[in-house]
Amino acid sequence: MRAQNHEIGPAPASRLADRFVRHAAQEQGLRARARTLCRLRQGSEPLLRVASEELGIPLESLMENASHQIAITARLFLGGVAGKQIVAFAGSGNNGGDALGALRHLSGWGAKVGVVLSGPPENLRPLARRQHDILVSLGVVHDAAADDADLLIDGLLGYSASGPPRDAVADLIRAANASRLPILAVDLPSGLHPNTGEPLGVTIRAALTVTLALPKRGLIATRSLALVGDLLLADRRWQPNALSHRLLIADRAKSLAF
């Protein structure tokens, strides 16, 4: 008997949250958890570097896990991706690498994927460039037309970005918002301040934000809700609690220094 393809439209937020983060009972519970964890994101050391150096997890593995989680979220949001068109707007950093890696998984599941880079491939950081080169070998379309896409993935700017989006990045944010297409933001909407939730300038207006490992303070600020959309906390396949002791000690030492 031939299996039937039950492709459906975008999943309602309540059903999506129920299917993807069953362990995080309600959005209120997620936000309460975020308030207890978000101060870990204010530590003096970038979280991913601490995970890599303290726990010995290769950064390549962290990016691969993040990419897979983003792809799973896109598939659930669309109710399936076979035959769907998904375009990633990718910056030069790790968020861009996460988005590019997600396209590879989505392509393997039957999606028609394309990418628009914010600059030449030569400007990509090493991990993002590796993801890009894999897509090139798979024949993924560059400078893809996003007008008829079913979903855009925002991987333009990440947690470490400072100042308002500029030049090509700002132009791509404006184009994404003007498209009126649903946007899945990687980690946080590009242009949003991760700690205050204030727009730094032109900012992605996401339908859904997948934040990785630990939430950022700005994502749960009231002023950012219209830009963040539905908020999901994705697992990077390592335990953030394993870092809490390390980061809190550094935080206390910093406080004592004053």
Protein backbone atom coordinates (compact mmCIF):
# COMPACT_ATOMS: atom_id res chain seq x y z
CA MET A 1 0.00 0.00 0.00
CA ARG A 2 1.40 3.39 -0.94
CA ALA A 3 1.96 5.74 1.98
CA GLN A 4 -0.08 8.91 1.84
CA ASN A 5 1.57 12.29 2.13
CA HIS A 6 -0.28 14.31 4.74
CA GLU A 7 1.19 17.74 3.97
CA ILE A 8 -0.72 20.44 5.80
CA GLY A 9 -0.40 24.18 6.38
CA PRO A 10 1.57 25.88 9.12
CA ALA A 11 0.90 24.32 12.49
CA PRO A 12 -0.90 26.47 15.07
CA ALA A 13 1.49 27.67 17.76
CA SER A 14 -0.17 25.62 20.48
CA ARG A 15 0.12 22.37 18.50
CA LEU A 16 3.68 23.15 17.42
CA ALA A 17 4.78 23.80 20.98
CA ASP A 18 3.03 20.65 22.13
CA ARG A 19 4.79 18.55 19.48
CA PHE A 20 8.24 20.08 19.68
CA VAL A 21 8.77 21.00 23.34
CA ARG A 22 6.55 18.61 25.25
CA HIS A 23 8.84 18.83 28.26
CA ALA A 24 8.25 22.61 28.61
CA ALA A 25 4.58 22.40 29.61
CA GLN A 26 3.34 25.91 28.80
CA GLU A 27 4.82 29.09 27.35
CA GLN A 28 4.55 30.64 30.82
CA GLY A 29 6.72 27.85 32.20
CA LEU A 30 9.28 28.40 29.44
CA ARG A 31 9.46 32.09 30.21
CA ALA A 32 9.78 31.43 33.94
CA ARG A 33 12.64 29.03 33.22
CA ALA A 34 14.18 31.64 30.96
CA ARG A 35 14.27 34.19 33.77
CA THR A 36 16.26 31.82 35.96
CA LEU A 37 18.70 30.90 33.17
CA CYS A 38 19.12 34.06 31.15
CA ARG A 39 21.68 35.58 33.52
CA LEU A 40 24.01 32.77 32.43
CA ARG A 41 24.03 34.45 29.03
CA GLN A 42 25.46 37.60 30.66
CA GLY A 43 28.70 35.83 31.63
CA SER A 44 32.09 37.20 30.63
CA GLU A 45 32.80 34.29 28.26
CA PRO A 46 30.82 33.34 25.13
CA LEU A 47 28.70 30.36 25.99
CA LEU A 48 29.69 28.24 23.02
CA ARG A 49 33.38 28.74 23.67
CA VAL A 50 32.89 27.67 27.29
CA ALA A 51 30.96 24.60 26.11
CA SER A 52 33.76 23.72 23.74
CA GLU A 53 36.71 24.40 26.04
CA GLU A 54 35.23 23.26 29.35
CA LEU A 55 33.23 20.27 28.12
CA GLY A 56 35.35 19.38 25.12
CA ILE A 57 32.46 19.50 22.65
CA PRO A 58 33.71 20.46 19.16
CA LEU A 59 32.14 23.61 17.78
CA GLU A 60 31.35 21.66 14.60
CA SER A 61 29.17 19.31 16.65
CA LEU A 62 27.37 22.21 18.32
CA MET A 63 26.60 23.77 14.93
CA GLU A 64 25.44 20.45 13.48
CA ASN A 65 23.07 19.88 16.38
CA ALA A 66 21.74 23.42 16.14
CA SER A 67 21.19 23.05 12.40
CA HIS A 68 19.24 19.84 12.92
CA GLN A 69 17.00 21.42 15.56
CA ILE A 70 16.26 24.39 13.29
CA ALA A 71 15.37 22.06 10.43
CA ILE A 72 13.06 20.00 12.66
CA THR A 73 11.29 23.17 13.76
CA ALA A 74 10.81 24.29 10.17
CA ARG A 75 9.36 20.90 9.26
CA LEU A 76 6.93 21.00 12.17
CA PHE A 77 5.95 24.62 11.50
CA LEU A 78 5.09 23.83 7.87
CA GLY A 79 3.49 20.49 8.67
CA GLY A 80 6.04 18.78 6.41
CA VAL A 81 8.57 20.11 3.91
CA ALA A 82 8.40 17.80 0.88
CA GLY A 83 8.05 20.07 -2.14
CA LYS A 84 8.08 23.23 -0.01
CA GLN A 85 10.38 26.12 -0.91
CA ILE A 86 12.59 27.35 1.95
CA VAL A 87 15.12 30.16 1.60
CA ALA A 88 17.75 31.15 4.17
CA PHE A 89 19.13 34.66 4.52
CA ALA A 90 22.58 33.95 5.96
CA GLY A 91 25.18 36.23 7.49
CA SER A 92 28.88 35.54 7.85
CA GLY A 93 28.86 34.18 11.41
CA ASN A 94 27.71 31.10 13.27
CA ASN A 95 24.01 31.96 12.95
CA GLY A 96 24.52 31.95 9.21
CA GLY A 97 26.24 28.58 9.51
CA ASP A 98 23.32 27.22 11.54
CA ALA A 99 20.87 28.37 8.85
CA LEU A 100 22.98 26.90 6.04
CA GLY A 101 23.27 23.59 7.86
CA ALA A 102 19.49 23.54 8.36
CA LEU A 103 19.00 23.87 4.59
CA ARG A 104 21.04 20.70 4.07
CA HIS A 105 18.76 18.71 6.38
CA LEU A 106 15.64 20.22 4.82
CA SER A 107 16.88 19.38 1.33
CA GLY A 108 17.36 15.79 2.44
CA TRP A 109 13.72 15.72 3.52
CA GLY A 110 12.52 16.86 0.09
CA ALA A 111 12.38 20.64 0.44
CA LYS A 112 13.42 22.97 -2.38
CA VAL A 113 16.04 25.13 -0.68
CA GLY A 114 17.94 28.26 -1.63
CA VAL A 115 20.25 30.72 0.07
CA VAL A 116 20.92 34.44 -0.03
CA LEU A 117 24.22 35.48 1.54
CA SER A 118 24.80 38.92 3.05
CA GLY A 119 28.24 39.04 1.42
CA PRO A 120 30.67 37.02 -0.68
CA PRO A 121 31.40 33.45 0.46
CA GLU A 122 34.99 34.47 1.18
CA ASN A 123 33.72 36.55 4.11
CA LEU A 124 32.09 33.59 5.87
CA ARG A 125 33.69 32.38 9.08
CA PRO A 126 35.29 28.93 8.84
CA LEU A 127 32.39 26.86 10.19
CA ALA A 128 29.81 28.77 8.14
CA ARG A 129 32.02 28.47 5.05
CA ARG A 130 32.16 24.71 5.52
CA GLN A 131 28.35 24.52 5.60
CA HIS A 132 28.20 26.77 2.54
CA ASP A 133 30.62 24.63 0.56
CA ILE A 134 28.59 21.51 1.31
CA LEU A 135 25.49 23.21 -0.10
CA VAL A 136 27.45 24.23 -3.20
CA SER A 137 28.43 20.60 -3.77
CA LEU A 138 24.75 19.68 -3.49
CA GLY A 139 23.81 22.23 -6.15
CA VAL A 140 21.78 24.51 -3.87
CA VAL A 141 20.71 27.74 -5.58
CA HIS A 142 22.46 30.94 -4.51
CA ASP A 143 20.77 34.35 -4.64
CA ALA A 144 17.51 32.45 -4.63
CA ALA A 145 14.24 34.26 -5.29
CA ALA A 146 12.26 34.31 -2.08
CA ASP A 147 9.00 35.75 -3.46
CA ASP A 148 7.22 32.39 -3.61
CA ALA A 149 8.92 30.72 -0.65
CA ASP A 150 6.89 28.93 2.00
CA LEU A 151 9.35 29.92 4.73
CA LEU A 152 12.32 32.23 5.23
CA ILE A 153 15.07 31.39 7.72
CA ASP A 154 16.79 34.37 9.31
CA GLY A 155 20.44 33.61 10.03
CA LEU A 156 21.81 37.11 9.40
CA LEU A 157 22.94 38.32 12.82
CA GLY A 158 23.62 36.61 16.12
CA TYR A 159 24.10 37.23 19.81
CA SER A 160 27.43 39.01 19.44
CA ALA A 161 26.29 41.58 16.86
CA SER A 162 26.59 45.19 18.00
CA GLY A 163 25.01 48.33 16.63
CA PRO A 164 22.21 48.62 14.09
CA PRO A 165 22.19 46.36 11.03
CA ARG A 166 23.99 48.00 8.11
CA ASP A 167 24.42 47.75 4.37
CA ALA A 168 23.45 44.40 2.82
CA VAL A 169 22.26 42.94 6.13
CA ALA A 170 19.86 45.83 6.66
CA ASP A 171 18.62 45.52 3.07
CA LEU A 172 17.95 41.79 3.52
CA ILE A 173 16.06 42.40 6.78
CA ARG A 174 13.85 44.95 5.01
CA ALA A 175 13.29 42.55 2.12
CA ALA A 176 12.37 39.70 4.46
CA ASN A 177 9.85 41.81 6.36
CA ALA A 178 8.39 43.26 3.17
CA SER A 179 7.85 39.78 1.75
CA ARG A 180 5.10 39.07 4.30
CA LEU A 181 6.32 35.46 4.36
CA PRO A 182 6.65 33.57 7.65
CA ILE A 183 10.16 33.96 9.07
CA LEU A 184 11.93 31.50 11.37
CA ALA A 185 14.65 33.35 13.30
CA VAL A 186 17.76 31.46 14.38
CA ASP A 187 18.54 32.14 18.08
CA LEU A 188 17.08 35.67 17.96
CA PRO A 189 15.59 37.95 15.30
CA SER A 190 18.36 39.83 13.48
CA GLY A 191 18.55 43.41 14.72
CA LEU A 192 17.19 42.66 18.22
CA HIS A 193 19.34 43.44 21.25
CA PRO A 194 19.76 40.08 23.04
CA ASN A 195 19.69 41.52 26.55
CA THR A 196 17.18 44.39 26.41
CA GLY A 197 14.86 43.23 23.64
CA GLU A 198 15.13 46.66 22.00
CA PRO A 199 15.39 46.88 18.20
CA LEU A 200 18.86 48.17 17.34
CA GLY A 201 17.56 49.44 14.03
CA VAL A 202 15.68 47.62 11.29
CA THR A 203 14.77 44.26 12.84
CA ILE A 204 13.38 40.95 11.62
CA ARG A 205 9.73 40.40 12.51
CA ALA A 206 9.66 36.64 13.05
CA ALA A 207 6.70 34.28 13.17
CA LEU A 208 8.84 31.89 15.20
CA THR A 209 12.18 32.13 17.01
CA VAL A 210 14.22 29.06 17.88
CA THR A 211 16.65 30.00 20.64
CA LEU A 212 19.50 27.59 21.24
CA ALA A 213 20.64 26.02 24.52
CA LEU A 214 19.70 28.93 26.79
CA PRO A 215 17.25 31.79 26.25
CA LYS A 216 18.33 35.42 26.03
CA ARG A 217 16.89 38.05 28.32
CA GLY A 218 15.68 40.16 25.41
CA LEU A 219 13.53 37.36 24.00
CA ILE A 220 11.24 37.38 27.02
CA ALA A 221 10.96 41.16 27.30
CA THR A 222 7.44 42.43 26.68
CA ARG A 223 8.66 44.96 24.12
CA SER A 224 10.16 42.22 21.93
CA LEU A 225 7.18 39.85 21.74
CA ALA A 226 5.87 41.19 18.42
CA LEU A 227 9.30 40.66 16.84
CA VAL A 228 10.10 37.28 18.40
CA GLY A 229 6.80 35.58 17.56
CA ASP A 230 6.40 32.12 19.07
CA LEU A 231 9.45 31.23 21.16
CA LEU A 232 10.89 27.73 21.29
CA LEU A 233 13.90 26.59 23.31
CA ALA A 234 15.92 24.03 21.33
CA ASP A 235 18.31 21.48 22.77
CA ARG A 236 21.92 21.66 21.55
CA ARG A 237 22.44 18.11 22.89
CA TRP A 238 24.44 19.23 25.92
CA GLN A 239 23.29 20.14 29.39
CA PRO A 240 23.42 23.89 30.17
CA ASN A 241 23.40 23.00 33.88
CA ALA A 242 26.85 21.54 33.38
CA LEU A 243 28.05 25.08 32.70
CA SER A 244 26.10 26.87 35.41
CA HIS A 245 28.69 26.30 38.14
CA ARG A 246 31.50 27.52 35.88
CA LEU A 247 29.65 30.64 34.76
CA LEU A 248 28.23 31.57 38.15
CA ILE A 249 31.68 31.37 39.73
CA ALA A 250 32.94 33.77 37.07
CA ASP A 251 29.92 36.03 37.71
CA ARG A 252 30.59 36.08 41.46
CA ALA A 253 34.28 36.79 40.91
CA LYS A 254 33.34 39.68 38.66
CA SER A 255 31.00 41.06 41.35
CA LEU A 256 33.66 40.77 44.06
CA ALA A 257 36.09 42.68 41.87
CA PHE A 258 33.89 45.73 42.35
